[in-house]
Amino acid sequence: MTNLGDLVVTIFYLAVAAVIITAVVLFSRSHRKQKEQLDRIEDQLNHLIKK
C-alpha cells in the first residue's frame, strides 16, 4: 500500500517539473516575441534610412 508521504513527495516533484517546463516555455515565447519586435524596428529604421 502506498504511503501518504510518498504520494505527497511525488506530487511535489511533478509540480516542480511542471513549473520548470512552464518557465522554459514562457521564457522562449517571450524571447521570440522580443526578437520579432526588434526585427520590425530594425526594418522600419532601414526603411527610413534608405529614403
Protein backbone atom coordinates (compact mmCIF):
# COMPACT_ATOMS: atom_id res chain seq x y z
CA MET A 1 0.00 0.00 0.00
CA THR A 2 1.28 3.45 -0.92
CA ASN A 3 2.30 5.68 1.92
CA LEU A 4 0.73 9.16 2.06
CA GLY A 5 4.19 10.73 2.38
CA ASP A 6 5.34 9.05 -0.84
CA LEU A 7 2.29 10.42 -2.62
CA VAL A 8 2.92 13.96 -1.36
CA VAL A 9 6.58 13.83 -2.43
CA THR A 10 5.64 12.51 -5.87
CA ILE A 11 3.08 15.27 -6.36
CA PHE A 12 5.64 17.84 -5.20
CA TYR A 13 8.24 16.63 -7.71
CA LEU A 14 5.67 16.62 -10.52
CA ALA A 15 4.66 20.17 -9.61
CA VAL A 16 8.29 21.31 -9.62
CA ALA A 17 8.82 19.70 -13.03
CA ALA A 18 5.67 21.37 -14.38
CA VAL A 19 6.83 24.77 -13.09
CA ILE A 20 10.25 24.35 -14.72
CA ILE A 21 8.74 23.32 -18.06
CA THR A 22 6.26 26.20 -17.93
CA ALA A 23 9.04 28.67 -17.14
CA VAL A 24 11.13 27.46 -20.08
CA VAL A 25 8.18 27.71 -22.47
CA LEU A 26 7.22 31.20 -21.28
CA PHE A 27 10.82 32.40 -21.48
CA SER A 28 11.27 31.08 -25.01
CA ARG A 29 7.99 32.66 -26.17
CA SER A 30 8.93 35.98 -24.59
CA HIS A 31 12.38 35.87 -26.15
CA ARG A 32 10.92 35.11 -29.59
CA LYS A 33 8.39 37.96 -29.35
CA GLN A 34 11.12 40.38 -28.30
CA LYS A 35 13.29 39.28 -31.24
CA GLU A 36 10.40 39.74 -33.66
CA GLN A 37 9.73 43.23 -32.29
CA LEU A 38 13.39 44.18 -32.64
CA ASP A 39 13.39 42.86 -36.23
CA ARG A 40 10.36 45.04 -37.05
CA ILE A 41 12.02 48.10 -35.54
CA GLU A 42 15.20 47.38 -37.48
CA ASP A 43 13.22 47.06 -40.72
CA GLN A 44 11.49 50.38 -40.05
CA LEU A 45 14.81 52.09 -39.34
CA ASN A 46 16.34 50.65 -42.50
CA HIS A 47 13.33 51.89 -44.47
CA LEU A 48 13.71 55.39 -43.03
CA ILE A 49 17.45 55.49 -43.70
CA LYS A 50 17.01 54.46 -47.36
CA LYS A 51 14.65 57.37 -48.08
